[in-house]
């Protein structure tokens, strides 16, 4: 059972508070109950959040940890004045010293986009997501030249989630293309990819792990057999070496680690944060 509760407060989505807070909590060997309280954009909602936090403190007999990214000063004042938790005001901790250092005031904007409908960055990100979905698993050869990166690898090696992560988090147009037995028989890249060789990045995976993943999808099939997985991985890696394609193994890596490695390698000019 969890031994403590952590609350993530924000007048936006709470994603920043949760991401930052979890990065800190992961440094400790402790089982936490995590509660996100987003869109605290009024004093009434702030009081509701405080009641929930204080009730938790009373029931558990321990102060909850409260990670807050609240820019509305009225809301923040209520939480700070009445909350019986350990308050960690992340914007206050970092924004105020930066204001002093830079000599300017922050815009106290809630969330990444003050108005998503008018944000070029946001619209570019949506365009990148649509592009990546259209070019998932080799579905379309149209405008492959518009790709920022083209991921290749055997089926179930992590191409689709990595493509979508690159699109959603960084606004990159990421295509992905499966390497299949016909490609191995020809000992050549799929013809559609040849003109875009410089944009290609390969993903591979340990055959044992690949077999586990495929068995969840098609149990006891030849597609999922360890023998077939070994053969496909060996052929794919041999092709990448022949073609001079940069590649990495996804076996033990998270999507975030895979994406970061790709970004370091391809160094795209257009990168959103």
Protein backbone atom coordinates (compact mmCIF):
# COMPACT_ATOMS: atom_id res chain seq x y z
CA UNK A 1 0.00 0.00 0.00
CA UNK A 2 1.20 3.57 -0.68
CA UNK A 3 2.81 5.16 2.35
CA UNK A 4 2.37 8.78 1.28
CA UNK A 5 0.34 10.92 -1.14
CA UNK A 6 1.69 13.42 -3.64
CA UNK A 7 -0.58 16.05 -5.18
CA UNK A 8 0.20 17.83 -8.45
CA UNK A 9 -1.55 21.20 -8.64
CA UNK A 10 -1.85 23.48 -11.65
CA UNK A 11 -4.12 26.07 -13.20
CA UNK A 12 -3.26 24.33 -16.49
CA UNK A 13 -3.14 20.62 -17.32
CA UNK A 14 -0.80 19.68 -14.48
CA UNK A 15 1.49 17.81 -16.85
CA UNK A 16 4.52 19.96 -15.98
CA UNK A 17 3.94 19.61 -12.23
CA UNK A 18 3.48 15.85 -12.56
CA UNK A 19 6.50 15.35 -14.83
CA UNK A 20 8.80 17.47 -12.69
CA UNK A 21 7.44 16.09 -9.42
CA UNK A 22 7.75 12.49 -10.52
CA UNK A 23 11.31 13.08 -11.70
CA UNK A 24 12.13 14.16 -8.15
CA UNK A 25 10.10 11.42 -6.44
CA UNK A 26 11.79 8.75 -8.55
CA UNK A 27 14.99 9.49 -6.66
CA UNK A 28 13.43 7.93 -3.57
CA UNK A 29 12.52 4.32 -2.86
CA UNK A 30 8.98 5.02 -1.71
CA UNK A 31 5.53 3.95 -2.84
CA UNK A 32 3.50 7.12 -3.46
CA UNK A 33 -0.16 7.65 -4.22
CA UNK A 34 -0.30 10.31 -6.91
CA UNK A 35 -3.20 12.72 -7.43
CA UNK A 36 -3.31 15.32 -10.22
CA UNK A 37 -5.54 18.37 -9.64
CA UNK A 38 -5.55 20.37 -12.89
CA UNK A 39 -7.36 23.54 -13.99
CA UNK A 40 -7.36 25.27 -10.58
CA UNK A 41 -8.29 28.56 -12.20
CA UNK A 42 -10.42 30.10 -9.44
CA UNK A 43 -10.27 30.72 -5.70
CA UNK A 44 -13.25 28.35 -5.17
CA UNK A 45 -11.37 25.51 -6.89
CA UNK A 46 -8.30 26.32 -4.81
CA UNK A 47 -10.32 25.91 -1.62
CA UNK A 48 -11.70 22.58 -2.89
CA UNK A 49 -8.16 21.37 -3.56
CA UNK A 50 -7.03 22.49 -0.10
CA UNK A 51 -9.90 20.56 1.53
CA UNK A 52 -8.90 17.41 -0.36
CA UNK A 53 -5.23 17.79 0.60
CA UNK A 54 -6.03 18.51 4.24
CA UNK A 55 -8.42 15.56 4.45
CA UNK A 56 -5.66 13.31 3.12
CA UNK A 57 -3.25 14.67 5.73
CA UNK A 58 -5.79 13.92 8.47
CA UNK A 59 -6.53 10.39 7.27
CA UNK A 60 -2.92 9.39 6.61
CA UNK A 61 -1.39 11.19 9.56
CA UNK A 62 1.38 12.50 7.31
CA UNK A 63 1.77 15.70 5.34
CA UNK A 64 1.05 15.15 1.64
CA UNK A 65 3.66 16.40 -0.80
CA UNK A 66 2.24 19.18 -2.97
CA UNK A 67 3.97 19.99 -6.27
CA UNK A 68 2.48 23.14 -7.74
CA UNK A 69 2.84 24.95 -11.05
CA UNK A 70 0.25 27.65 -10.39
CA UNK A 71 0.66 31.07 -12.00
CA UNK A 72 -2.60 32.61 -10.74
CA UNK A 73 -1.42 34.44 -7.65
CA UNK A 74 -4.86 34.46 -5.98
CA UNK A 75 -5.14 30.69 -6.32
CA UNK A 76 -1.56 30.18 -5.16
CA UNK A 77 -2.14 32.39 -2.11
CA UNK A 78 -5.09 30.24 -0.99
CA UNK A 79 -3.10 27.02 -1.31
CA UNK A 80 -0.05 28.42 0.49
CA UNK A 81 -2.13 29.91 3.32
CA UNK A 82 -4.39 26.92 4.07
CA UNK A 83 -2.71 23.77 2.76
CA UNK A 84 -1.47 21.28 5.39
CA UNK A 85 0.96 19.66 2.98
CA UNK A 86 4.63 20.16 2.17
CA UNK A 87 4.33 22.84 -0.51
CA UNK A 88 6.79 22.83 -3.41
CA UNK A 89 6.04 25.86 -5.60
CA UNK A 90 8.07 24.99 -8.68
CA UNK A 91 7.36 28.18 -10.62
CA UNK A 92 8.13 30.30 -7.59
CA UNK A 93 11.36 28.41 -7.00
CA UNK A 94 12.67 28.95 -10.52
CA UNK A 95 10.75 31.82 -12.15
CA UNK A 96 11.41 34.49 -9.53
CA UNK A 97 15.21 34.03 -9.50
CA UNK A 98 15.16 34.08 -13.32
CA UNK A 99 13.16 37.32 -13.30
CA UNK A 100 15.87 38.85 -11.11
CA UNK A 101 18.67 37.49 -13.28
CA UNK A 102 17.11 38.47 -16.63
CA UNK A 103 15.76 41.77 -15.40
CA UNK A 104 12.31 41.11 -16.88
CA UNK A 105 8.99 39.79 -15.61
CA UNK A 106 7.65 36.45 -16.79
CA UNK A 107 4.37 36.44 -18.69
CA UNK A 108 2.70 34.15 -16.08
CA UNK A 109 1.16 32.18 -18.89
CA UNK A 110 -0.97 29.17 -17.97
CA UNK A 111 0.31 26.16 -19.91
CA UNK A 112 2.47 26.07 -23.01
CA UNK A 113 0.01 27.84 -25.30
CA UNK A 114 -1.97 30.89 -24.24
CA UNK A 115 -4.33 30.31 -27.17
CA UNK A 116 -3.75 27.03 -29.00
CA UNK A 117 -5.83 28.08 -32.00
CA UNK A 118 -3.46 31.01 -32.66
CA UNK A 119 -0.18 29.25 -31.89
CA UNK A 120 2.00 28.40 -34.88
CA UNK A 121 4.01 26.01 -32.72
CA UNK A 122 0.85 24.18 -31.69
CA UNK A 123 -0.45 23.96 -35.27
CA UNK A 124 2.94 22.71 -36.49
CA UNK A 125 2.80 20.02 -33.81
CA UNK A 126 -0.66 18.88 -34.94
CA UNK A 127 0.55 18.81 -38.54
CA UNK A 128 3.51 16.66 -37.47
CA UNK A 129 1.22 14.21 -35.64
CA UNK A 130 -1.07 13.89 -38.67
CA UNK A 131 1.97 13.38 -40.93
CA UNK A 132 3.37 10.67 -38.66
CA UNK A 133 0.03 8.86 -38.51
CA UNK A 134 -0.28 8.99 -42.30
CA UNK A 135 3.23 7.58 -42.70
CA UNK A 136 2.96 4.92 -40.00
CA UNK A 137 4.15 1.41 -40.89
CA UNK A 138 4.83 2.34 -44.52
CA UNK A 139 1.19 3.20 -45.23
CA UNK A 140 2.07 6.05 -47.58
CA UNK A 141 5.05 6.96 -49.76
CA UNK A 142 3.60 10.41 -50.43
CA UNK A 143 5.90 13.26 -49.41
CA UNK A 144 8.48 11.05 -47.70
CA UNK A 145 10.88 13.86 -48.54
CA UNK A 146 9.00 15.97 -46.01
CA UNK A 147 10.03 13.64 -43.19
CA UNK A 148 12.45 14.91 -40.57
CA UNK A 149 13.38 11.31 -39.82
CA UNK A 150 12.40 7.90 -41.20
CA UNK A 151 12.54 5.03 -38.72
CA UNK A 152 13.14 1.51 -40.02
CA UNK A 153 13.22 -1.86 -38.30
CA UNK A 154 11.43 -5.17 -38.03
CA UNK A 155 7.81 -5.29 -36.97
CA UNK A 156 7.25 -4.47 -33.26
CA UNK A 157 10.69 -2.96 -32.65
CA UNK A 158 9.23 0.33 -31.37
CA UNK A 159 8.91 2.40 -34.54
CA UNK A 160 5.32 3.61 -34.13
CA UNK A 161 5.45 4.81 -30.50
CA UNK A 162 8.79 6.52 -31.15
CA UNK A 163 7.43 8.27 -34.25
CA UNK A 164 4.40 9.55 -32.39
CA UNK A 165 6.50 10.68 -29.42
CA UNK A 166 8.80 12.67 -31.73
CA UNK A 167 5.77 14.28 -33.35
CA UNK A 168 3.86 15.03 -30.15
CA UNK A 169 6.78 16.17 -28.02
CA UNK A 170 9.04 17.83 -30.58
CA UNK A 171 6.88 18.59 -33.60
CA UNK A 172 8.95 16.37 -35.90
CA UNK A 173 7.49 14.71 -38.98
CA UNK A 174 8.54 11.12 -38.29
CA UNK A 175 7.77 8.39 -40.80
CA UNK A 176 8.35 4.73 -40.06
CA UNK A 177 8.79 1.80 -42.39
CA UNK A 178 8.89 -1.93 -41.59
CA UNK A 179 11.70 -4.13 -42.88
CA UNK A 180 10.10 -7.36 -44.10
CA UNK A 181 11.35 -10.72 -45.45
CA UNK A 182 11.02 -9.50 -49.06
CA UNK A 183 13.52 -6.73 -48.29
CA UNK A 184 15.90 -9.26 -46.77
CA UNK A 185 15.58 -11.53 -49.84
CA UNK A 186 16.51 -8.61 -52.11
CA UNK A 187 19.25 -7.55 -49.66
CA UNK A 188 18.27 -3.96 -50.33
CA UNK A 189 16.31 -1.17 -48.68
CA UNK A 190 12.70 -0.71 -49.83
CA UNK A 191 12.96 1.32 -53.07
CA UNK A 192 10.84 4.18 -51.69
CA UNK A 193 13.44 4.83 -48.97
CA UNK A 194 16.60 4.87 -51.09
CA UNK A 195 16.39 8.59 -52.07
CA UNK A 196 16.04 9.54 -48.39
CA UNK A 197 18.89 7.49 -46.96
CA UNK A 198 20.32 10.41 -44.95
CA UNK A 199 17.07 10.70 -42.99
CA UNK A 200 16.88 7.02 -42.05
CA UNK A 201 17.45 5.81 -38.50
CA UNK A 202 17.22 2.14 -37.57
CA UNK A 203 15.69 0.46 -34.53
CA UNK A 204 16.55 -3.08 -33.54
CA UNK A 205 15.67 -5.25 -30.57
CA UNK A 206 16.84 -8.44 -28.85
CA UNK A 207 15.13 -11.44 -30.50
CA UNK A 208 14.00 -12.81 -27.14
CA UNK A 209 12.21 -9.58 -26.26
CA UNK A 210 10.76 -9.32 -29.78
CA UNK A 211 9.35 -12.83 -29.47
CA UNK A 212 7.67 -11.90 -26.17
CA UNK A 213 6.06 -8.81 -27.71
CA UNK A 214 4.89 -10.64 -30.82
CA UNK A 215 3.46 -13.51 -28.79
CA UNK A 216 1.17 -11.03 -27.06
CA UNK A 217 -0.17 -10.11 -30.49
CA UNK A 218 -0.09 -13.49 -32.28
CA UNK A 219 0.59 -16.27 -29.77
CA UNK A 220 2.28 -19.47 -30.98
CA UNK A 221 2.65 -18.17 -34.53
CA UNK A 222 5.70 -18.43 -36.77
CA UNK A 223 5.75 -14.62 -36.77
CA UNK A 224 6.33 -14.70 -33.00
CA UNK A 225 8.65 -17.71 -32.84
CA UNK A 226 12.09 -17.11 -31.41
CA UNK A 227 13.71 -18.71 -34.45
CA UNK A 228 11.95 -16.34 -36.83
CA UNK A 229 12.63 -13.31 -34.63
CA UNK A 230 16.34 -14.16 -34.55
CA UNK A 231 16.43 -14.50 -38.33
CA UNK A 232 14.61 -11.18 -38.92
CA UNK A 233 16.72 -9.22 -36.42
CA UNK A 234 19.97 -10.64 -37.84
CA UNK A 235 18.93 -9.74 -41.39
CA UNK A 236 17.77 -6.25 -40.39
CA UNK A 237 20.99 -5.47 -38.54
CA UNK A 238 23.06 -6.82 -41.43
CA UNK A 239 21.15 -4.55 -43.83
CA UNK A 240 21.68 -1.50 -41.63
CA UNK A 241 25.42 -2.18 -41.51
CA UNK A 242 25.59 -2.64 -45.29
CA UNK A 243 23.62 0.53 -45.95
CA UNK A 244 25.52 2.62 -43.39
CA UNK A 245 22.35 3.36 -41.40
CA UNK A 246 22.63 4.63 -37.84
CA UNK A 247 20.75 2.39 -35.43
CA UNK A 248 20.21 1.46 -31.80
CA UNK A 249 18.62 -1.33 -29.79
CA UNK A 250 15.32 -0.54 -28.10
CA UNK A 251 15.42 -3.65 -25.89
CA UNK A 252 15.97 -1.93 -22.55
CA UNK A 253 15.37 1.70 -23.50
CA UNK A 254 12.34 3.89 -22.84
CA UNK A 255 10.67 5.84 -25.63
CA UNK A 256 12.18 9.01 -24.15
CA UNK A 257 15.70 7.54 -24.29
CA UNK A 258 15.23 6.32 -27.85
CA UNK A 259 13.90 9.70 -29.00
CA UNK A 260 16.73 11.59 -27.29
CA UNK A 261 19.35 9.43 -28.99
CA UNK A 262 17.69 9.99 -32.37
CA UNK A 263 17.59 13.76 -31.81
CA UNK A 264 21.29 13.78 -30.95
CA UNK A 265 22.08 11.90 -34.14
CA UNK A 266 19.88 13.67 -36.69
CA UNK A 267 20.07 17.15 -35.12
CA UNK A 268 16.97 18.53 -36.90
CA UNK A 269 16.82 22.25 -37.58
CA UNK A 270 13.13 22.36 -36.71
CA UNK A 271 12.60 21.27 -33.14
CA UNK A 272 9.77 22.28 -30.82
CA UNK A 273 9.78 22.29 -27.00
